C-alpha atoms as a PDB file:
ATOM      1  CA  THR A   1      -0.150   0.274  -0.067  1.00  0.00           C
ATOM      2  CA  SER A   2       1.239   3.587  -1.010  1.00  0.00           C
ATOM      3  CA  ARG A   3       1.851   6.282   1.487  1.00  0.00           C
ATOM      4  CA  SER A   4      -1.008   8.054   0.526  1.00  0.00           C
ATOM      5  CA  GLY A   5      -3.212   5.268   0.127  1.00  0.00           C
ATOM      6  CA  ARG A   6      -2.483   5.005   3.896  1.00  0.00           C
ATOM      7  CA  ALA A   7      -3.278   8.253   4.540  1.00  0.00           C
ATOM      8  CA  LEU A   8      -6.294   7.893   2.854  1.00  0.00           C
ATOM      9  CA  ARG A   9      -7.632   6.005   5.933  1.00  0.00           C
ATOM     10  CA  TYR A  10      -7.080   9.255   8.038  1.00  0.00           C
ATOM     11  CA  VAL A  11      -9.428  11.516   6.054  1.00  0.00           C
ATOM     12  CA  ARG A  12     -12.916  11.749   7.138  1.00  0.00           C
ATOM     13  CA  ARG A  13     -15.859  12.681   5.846  1.00  0.00           C
ATOM     14  CA  SER A  14     -17.105  15.928   7.145  1.00  0.00           C
ATOM     15  CA  VAL A  15     -20.624  16.417   8.422  1.00  0.00           C
ATOM     16  CA  TYR A  16     -23.284  17.325   5.858  1.00  0.00           C
ATOM     17  CA  ASP A  17     -24.040  20.938   5.879  1.00  0.00           C
ATOM     18  CA  VAL A  18     -26.693  21.331   8.060  1.00  0.00           C
ATOM     19  CA  SER A  19     -28.567  24.388   5.668  1.00  0.00           C
ATOM     20  CA  ILE A  20     -30.577  22.305   4.062  1.00  0.00           C
ATOM     21  CA  ALA A  21     -31.929  20.671   7.169  1.00  0.00           C
ATOM     22  CA  ASN A  22     -35.483  21.893   6.950  1.00  0.00           C
ATOM     23  CA  HIS A  23     -35.693  21.200   3.240  1.00  0.00           C
ATOM     24  CA  PRO A  24     -38.431  18.771   2.453  1.00  0.00           C
ATOM     25  CA  ALA A  25     -36.155  16.096   0.539  1.00  0.00           C
ATOM     26  CA  CYS A  26     -33.695  16.195   3.426  1.00  0.00           C
ATOM     27  CA  ASN A  27     -35.444  13.018   5.992  1.00  0.00           C
ATOM     28  CA  PHE A  28     -34.576  13.053   9.440  1.00  0.00           C
ATOM     29  CA  GLN A  29     -33.058  10.178  11.080  1.00  0.00           C
ATOM     30  CA  ASP A  30     -34.636   9.290  14.495  1.00  0.00           C
ATOM     31  CA  GLY A  31     -31.141  10.221  16.143  1.00  0.00           C
ATOM     32  CA  ASP A  32     -31.307  13.517  14.206  1.00  0.00           C
ATOM     33  CA  ARG A  33     -34.460  14.636  15.046  1.00  0.00           C
ATOM     34  CA  ALA A  34     -33.716  14.189  18.690  1.00  0.00           C
ATOM     35  CA  ILE A  35     -30.721  15.730  18.379  1.00  0.00           C
ATOM     36  CA  ALA A  36     -32.554  18.423  16.967  1.00  0.00           C
ATOM     37  CA  GLU A  37     -35.495  18.646  19.403  1.00  0.00           C
ATOM     38  CA  ALA A  38     -33.018  18.166  22.471  1.00  0.00           C
ATOM     39  CA  MET A  39     -31.560  21.690  21.363  1.00  0.00           C
ATOM     40  CA  ILE A  40     -31.040  24.491  23.622  1.00  0.00           C
ATOM     41  CA  LYS A  41     -30.978  28.029  23.613  1.00  0.00           C
ATOM     42  CA  PHE A  42     -27.235  29.070  24.363  1.00  0.00           C
ATOM     43  CA  ASP A  43     -26.150  32.770  25.381  1.00  0.00           C
ATOM     44  CA  ALA A  44     -22.714  35.002  24.649  1.00  0.00           C
ATOM     45  CA  ILE A  45     -20.555  32.809  26.424  1.00  0.00           C
ATOM     46  CA  ASP A  46     -21.789  29.480  25.225  1.00  0.00           C
ATOM     47  CA  LEU A  47     -20.851  30.938  22.077  1.00  0.00           C
ATOM     48  CA  ARG A  48     -17.037  32.223  22.971  1.00  0.00           C
ATOM     49  CA  ILE A  49     -16.937  28.784  24.623  1.00  0.00           C
ATOM     50  CA  MET A  50     -17.895  27.199  20.816  1.00  0.00           C
ATOM     51  CA  ALA A  51     -15.658  29.763  18.829  1.00  0.00           C
ATOM     52  CA  GLU A  52     -12.452  29.170  21.245  1.00  0.00           C
ATOM     53  CA  LEU A  53     -13.149  24.879  20.988  1.00  0.00           C
ATOM     54  CA  GLU A  54     -13.699  25.338  17.309  1.00  0.00           C
ATOM     55  CA  LYS A  55     -10.204  26.854  17.048  1.00  0.00           C
ATOM     56  CA  GLN A  56      -8.546  24.609  19.414  1.00  0.00           C
ATOM     57  CA  GLY A  57     -10.115  21.347  20.190  1.00  0.00           C
ATOM     58  CA  ARG A  58      -7.410  20.098  22.538  1.00  0.00           C
ATOM     59  CA  MET A  59      -7.837  23.133  24.407  1.00  0.00           C
ATOM     60  CA  THR A  60      -7.641  22.287  28.747  1.00  0.00           C
ATOM     61  CA  ASN A  61     -10.859  23.051  30.841  1.00  0.00           C
ATOM     62  CA  SER A  62      -8.743  25.434  32.591  1.00  0.00           C
ATOM     63  CA  LEU A  63      -7.265  27.583  29.984  1.00  0.00           C
ATOM     64  CA  LEU A  64     -10.954  27.550  28.217  1.00  0.00           C
ATOM     65  CA  ALA A  65     -12.569  28.956  31.094  1.00  0.00           C
ATOM     66  CA  GLU A  66      -9.803  31.896  31.549  1.00  0.00           C
ATOM     67  CA  LYS A  67     -10.163  32.783  27.881  1.00  0.00           C
ATOM     68  CA  VAL A  68     -14.434  32.943  28.498  1.00  0.00           C
ATOM     69  CA  GLY A  69     -14.359  34.672  31.863  1.00  0.00           C
ATOM     70  CA  LEU A  70     -15.358  31.769  33.962  1.00  0.00           C
ATOM     71  CA  THR A  71     -14.077  29.206  36.941  1.00  0.00           C
ATOM     72  CA  PRO A  72     -13.548  26.040  35.456  1.00  0.00           C
ATOM     73  CA  SER A  73     -16.363  23.983  36.922  1.00  0.00           C
ATOM     74  CA  PRO A  74     -19.152  26.252  35.436  1.00  0.00           C
ATOM     75  CA  CYS A  75     -17.197  26.321  32.164  1.00  0.00           C
ATOM     76  CA  LEU A  76     -17.131  22.319  32.194  1.00  0.00           C
ATOM     77  CA  THR A  77     -20.929  22.378  32.758  1.00  0.00           C
ATOM     78  CA  ARG A  78     -21.343  24.650  29.869  1.00  0.00           C
ATOM     79  CA  VAL A  79     -19.150  22.348  27.429  1.00  0.00           C
ATOM     80  CA  THR A  80     -20.749  19.260  28.395  1.00  0.00           C
ATOM     81  CA  ARG A  81     -24.559  20.656  27.761  1.00  0.00           C
ATOM     82  CA  LEU A  82     -23.556  21.929  24.633  1.00  0.00           C
ATOM     83  CA  GLU A  83     -22.276  18.621  23.735  1.00  0.00           C
ATOM     84  CA  LYS A  84     -25.630  16.783  24.625  1.00  0.00           C
ATOM     85  CA  ALA A  85     -27.442  19.596  23.121  1.00  0.00           C
ATOM     86  CA  GLY A  86     -25.995  18.605  19.879  1.00  0.00           C
ATOM     87  CA  TYR A  87     -23.833  22.160  19.322  1.00  0.00           C
ATOM     88  CA  ILE A  88     -20.528  20.534  19.636  1.00  0.00           C
ATOM     89  CA  THR A  89     -20.759  17.189  17.572  1.00  0.00           C
ATOM     90  CA  GLY A  90     -17.131  16.038  18.167  1.00  0.00           C
ATOM     91  CA  TYR A  91     -13.379  16.912  18.104  1.00  0.00           C
ATOM     92  CA  ARG A  92     -11.046  16.653  15.333  1.00  0.00           C
ATOM     93  CA  ALA A  93      -7.269  16.976  13.931  1.00  0.00           C
ATOM     94  CA  LYS A  94      -6.513  19.275  11.259  1.00  0.00           C
ATOM     95  CA  LEU A  95      -4.154  17.532   8.954  1.00  0.00           C
ATOM     96  CA  ASN A  96      -1.649  18.681   6.750  1.00  0.00           C
ATOM     97  CA  LEU A  97      -2.191  16.716   3.582  1.00  0.00           C
ATOM     98  CA  SER A  98       0.765  17.795   1.927  1.00  0.00           C
ATOM     99  CA  ALA A  99       2.823  16.570   4.355  1.00  0.00           C
ATOM    100  CA  ILE A 100       1.390  12.825   4.594  1.00  0.00           C
ATOM    101  CA  GLY A 101       1.695  12.399   1.143  1.00  0.00           C
ATOM    102  CA  GLU A 102       0.695  13.865  -2.755  1.00  0.00           C
ATOM    103  CA  LEU A 103      -2.951  13.463  -2.354  1.00  0.00           C
ATOM    104  CA  VAL A 104      -5.425  15.332  -4.594  1.00  0.00           C
ATOM    105  CA  THR A 105      -8.306  17.556  -3.747  1.00  0.00           C
ATOM    106  CA  VAL A 106     -11.069  18.125  -6.064  1.00  0.00           C
ATOM    107  CA  PHE A 107     -13.900  20.408  -6.130  1.00  0.00           C
ATOM    108  CA  THR A 108     -16.884  18.791  -7.755  1.00  0.00           C
ATOM    109  CA  GLU A 109     -19.950  20.664  -8.811  1.00  0.00           C
ATOM    110  CA  ILE A 110     -23.340  18.036  -9.643  1.00  0.00           C
ATOM    111  CA  THR A 111     -26.133  18.984 -11.095  1.00  0.00           C
ATOM    112  CA  LEU A 112     -29.282  16.615 -10.927  1.00  0.00           C
ATOM    113  CA  GLN A 113     -31.451  15.147 -13.070  1.00  0.00           C
ATOM    114  CA  ASP A 114     -34.437  16.359 -11.397  1.00  0.00           C
ATOM    115  CA  ARG A 115     -35.447  17.739  -7.641  1.00  0.00           C
ATOM    116  CA  ARG A 116     -37.741  15.130  -6.843  1.00  0.00           C
ATOM    117  CA  MET A 117     -37.776  14.430  -3.193  1.00  0.00           C
ATOM    118  CA  ALA A 118     -36.666  10.583  -4.537  1.00  0.00           C
ATOM    119  CA  THR A 119     -33.722  11.715  -6.186  1.00  0.00           C
ATOM    120  CA  VAL A 120     -32.314  13.889  -3.702  1.00  0.00           C
ATOM    121  CA  SER A 121     -32.675  11.193  -1.228  1.00  0.00           C
ATOM    122  CA  ARG A 122     -31.020   8.408  -3.378  1.00  0.00           C
ATOM    123  CA  PHE A 123     -28.333  10.863  -4.407  1.00  0.00           C
ATOM    124  CA  GLU A 124     -27.457  11.668  -0.687  1.00  0.00           C
ATOM    125  CA  GLN A 125     -27.763   7.968   0.097  1.00  0.00           C
ATOM    126  CA  LYS A 126     -25.042   6.902  -2.601  1.00  0.00           C
ATOM    127  CA  LEU A 127     -23.079   9.707  -1.288  1.00  0.00           C
ATOM    128  CA  LYS A 128     -22.731   8.319   2.321  1.00  0.00           C
ATOM    129  CA  THR A 129     -20.957   5.241   0.131  1.00  0.00           C
ATOM    130  CA  ILE A 130     -18.043   7.262  -0.916  1.00  0.00           C
ATOM    131  CA  ASP A 131     -15.281   7.093   1.463  1.00  0.00           C
ATOM    132  CA  GLU A 132     -13.008   9.671  -0.711  1.00  0.00           C
ATOM    133  CA  LEU A 133     -15.678  12.391  -0.445  1.00  0.00           C
ATOM    134  CA  CYS A 134     -14.793  14.926   2.830  1.00  0.00           C
ATOM    135  CA  GLU A 135     -17.149  17.857   2.159  1.00  0.00           C
ATOM    136  CA  CYS A 136     -20.874  17.961   1.159  1.00  0.00           C
ATOM    137  CA  ALA A 137     -22.883  21.137   0.604  1.00  0.00           C
ATOM    138  CA  ARG A 138     -26.113  21.678  -1.342  1.00  0.00           C
ATOM    139  CA  VAL A 139     -26.080  24.623  -3.034  1.00  0.00           C
ATOM    140  CA  THR A 140     -28.187  27.018  -4.899  1.00  0.00           C
ATOM    141  CA  GLY A 141     -27.353  28.301  -8.470  1.00  0.00           C
ATOM    142  CA  ASP A 142     -26.449  26.403 -11.875  1.00  0.00           C
ATOM    143  CA  CYS A 143     -25.382  23.130  -9.787  1.00  0.00           C
ATOM    144  CA  ASP A 144     -27.047  21.264  -7.033  1.00  0.00           C
ATOM    145  CA  TYR A 145     -24.043  19.986  -4.921  1.00  0.00           C
ATOM    146  CA  ILE A 146     -20.655  21.352  -4.489  1.00  0.00           C
ATOM    147  CA  LEU A 147     -18.274  18.353  -3.001  1.00  0.00           C
ATOM    148  CA  LYS A 148     -14.507  17.918  -1.888  1.00  0.00           C
ATOM    149  CA  PHE A 149     -12.942  14.812  -2.793  1.00  0.00           C
ATOM    150  CA  VAL A 150      -9.497  13.820  -1.596  1.00  0.00           C
ATOM    151  CA  THR A 151      -7.963  10.982  -3.380  1.00  0.00           C
ATOM    152  CA  ARG A 152      -4.644   8.833  -4.042  1.00  0.00           C
ATOM    153  CA  SER A 153      -3.947  10.061  -7.771  1.00  0.00           C
ATOM    154  CA  VAL A 154      -6.259  11.850 -10.810  1.00  0.00           C
ATOM    155  CA  ALA A 155      -6.872   7.894 -11.901  1.00  0.00           C
ATOM    156  CA  HIS A 156      -8.561   6.847  -8.604  1.00  0.00           C
ATOM    157  CA  TYR A 157     -10.625  10.455  -8.542  1.00  0.00           C
ATOM    158  CA  CYS A 158     -12.196   9.498 -11.919  1.00  0.00           C
ATOM    159  CA  GLU A 159     -12.833   5.970 -10.506  1.00  0.00           C
ATOM    160  CA  THR A 160     -14.490   7.750  -7.175  1.00  0.00           C
ATOM    161  CA  ILE A 161     -16.738   9.779  -9.608  1.00  0.00           C
ATOM    162  CA  MET A 162     -17.807   7.493 -11.460  1.00  0.00           C
ATOM    163  CA  LYS A 163     -19.544   5.325  -8.891  1.00  0.00           C
ATOM    164  CA  ILE A 164     -21.576   8.395  -8.355  1.00  0.00           C
ATOM    165  CA  VAL A 165     -22.245   9.415 -11.786  1.00  0.00           C
ATOM    166  CA  ASP A 166     -22.683   5.679 -13.158  1.00  0.00           C
ATOM    167  CA  GLU A 167     -25.966   5.407 -10.452  1.00  0.00           C
ATOM    168  CA  GLY A 168     -29.384   5.367 -12.600  1.00  0.00           C
ATOM    169  CA  SER A 169     -31.245   8.187 -13.367  1.00  0.00           C
ATOM    170  CA  LEU A 170     -29.324  10.806 -10.685  1.00  0.00           C
ATOM    171  CA  VAL A 171     -26.798  12.944 -12.180  1.00  0.00           C
ATOM    172  CA  ASP A 172     -26.902  15.055 -15.222  1.00  0.00           C
ATOM    173  CA  ARG A 173     -23.781  16.855 -15.441  1.00  0.00           C
ATOM    174  CA  TYR A 174     -20.796  17.475 -13.151  1.00  0.00           C
ATOM    175  CA  PHE A 175     -17.711  19.518 -13.468  1.00  0.00           C
ATOM    176  CA  SER A 176     -14.213  18.953 -11.597  1.00  0.00           C
ATOM    177  CA  TYR A 177     -11.893  21.575 -10.250  1.00  0.00           C
ATOM    178  CA  PHE A 178      -8.620  20.372  -9.448  1.00  0.00           C
ATOM    179  CA  VAL A 179      -6.524  22.131  -5.957  1.00  0.00           C
ATOM    180  CA  VAL A 180      -3.019  23.168  -7.199  1.00  0.00           C
ATOM    181  CA  ARG A 181      -2.492  24.762  -4.272  1.00  0.00           C
ATOM    182  CA  SER A 182      -3.814  25.933  -1.064  1.00  0.00           C
ATOM    183  CA  PHE A 183      -2.610  27.555   1.584  1.00  0.00           C
ATOM    184  CA  ASN A 184      -3.237  27.748   5.462  1.00  0.00           C
ATOM    185  CA  LEU A 185      -5.218  30.544   6.637  1.00  0.00           C
ATOM    186  CA  GLY A 186      -4.446  30.788  10.437  1.00  0.00           C
ATOM    187  CA  ASP A 187      -6.185  29.383  13.864  1.00  0.00           C
ATOM    188  CA  ARG A 188      -9.761  30.949  12.987  1.00  0.00           C
ATOM    189  CA  GLY A 189     -12.767  30.270  13.867  1.00  0.00           C
ATOM    190  CA  TYR A 190     -16.405  30.130  11.781  1.00  0.00           C
ATOM    191  CA  LEU A 191     -17.996  31.867  15.244  1.00  0.00           C
ATOM    192  CA  ASP A 192     -15.499  34.747  15.856  1.00  0.00           C
ATOM    193  CA  GLU A 193     -17.361  37.421  14.121  1.00  0.00           C
ATOM    194  CA  LEU A 194     -20.969  36.154  14.775  1.00  0.00           C
ATOM    195  CA  GLU A 195     -23.179  38.488  17.002  1.00  0.00           C
ATOM    196  CA  GLN A 196     -24.855  37.796  19.786  1.00  0.00           C
ATOM    197  CA  PRO A 197     -27.995  35.455  19.443  1.00  0.00           C
ATOM    198  CA  ALA A 198     -31.187  37.191  20.046  1.00  0.00           C
END
């Protein structure tokens, strides 16, 4: 097995984009619905906690408490509550893929043959079987989905995308964009600039 092939075992699929959760074509599984129903309101301190953990998930509770202006015990209580409510779904490492091996990263636009509920459901179920798929988002515009793949080579990507395209009556067309260079933007979090929720 090649070095890049072994590295792929450590590249895991990301959580599917939650912005489509209320779309009629997106069927909740029982576990997903239970999480959604259990979600609680959070305040500005909870938001700061999530912003700090997003940037550094291995931060100690003591340091986290210091950064958000709490003592350790109530800070840990808030983190546990956010985890149980489904706001914090896990902690993962950021990988330097270029150091691991010569992997190929591809962004792919997918347009479905139609947007009926059955077609969307079949397509999304198919995506869940593709190990090389790292991220998936349903979008507006000229295409229906944007996918991110990490593969061993161009040939490996071609084999992977054909598993999706060859599935009967799903994909109308697709366009592939191969990444030639990526760079680190530093430790930044998506939540840093969010205003306090109403």
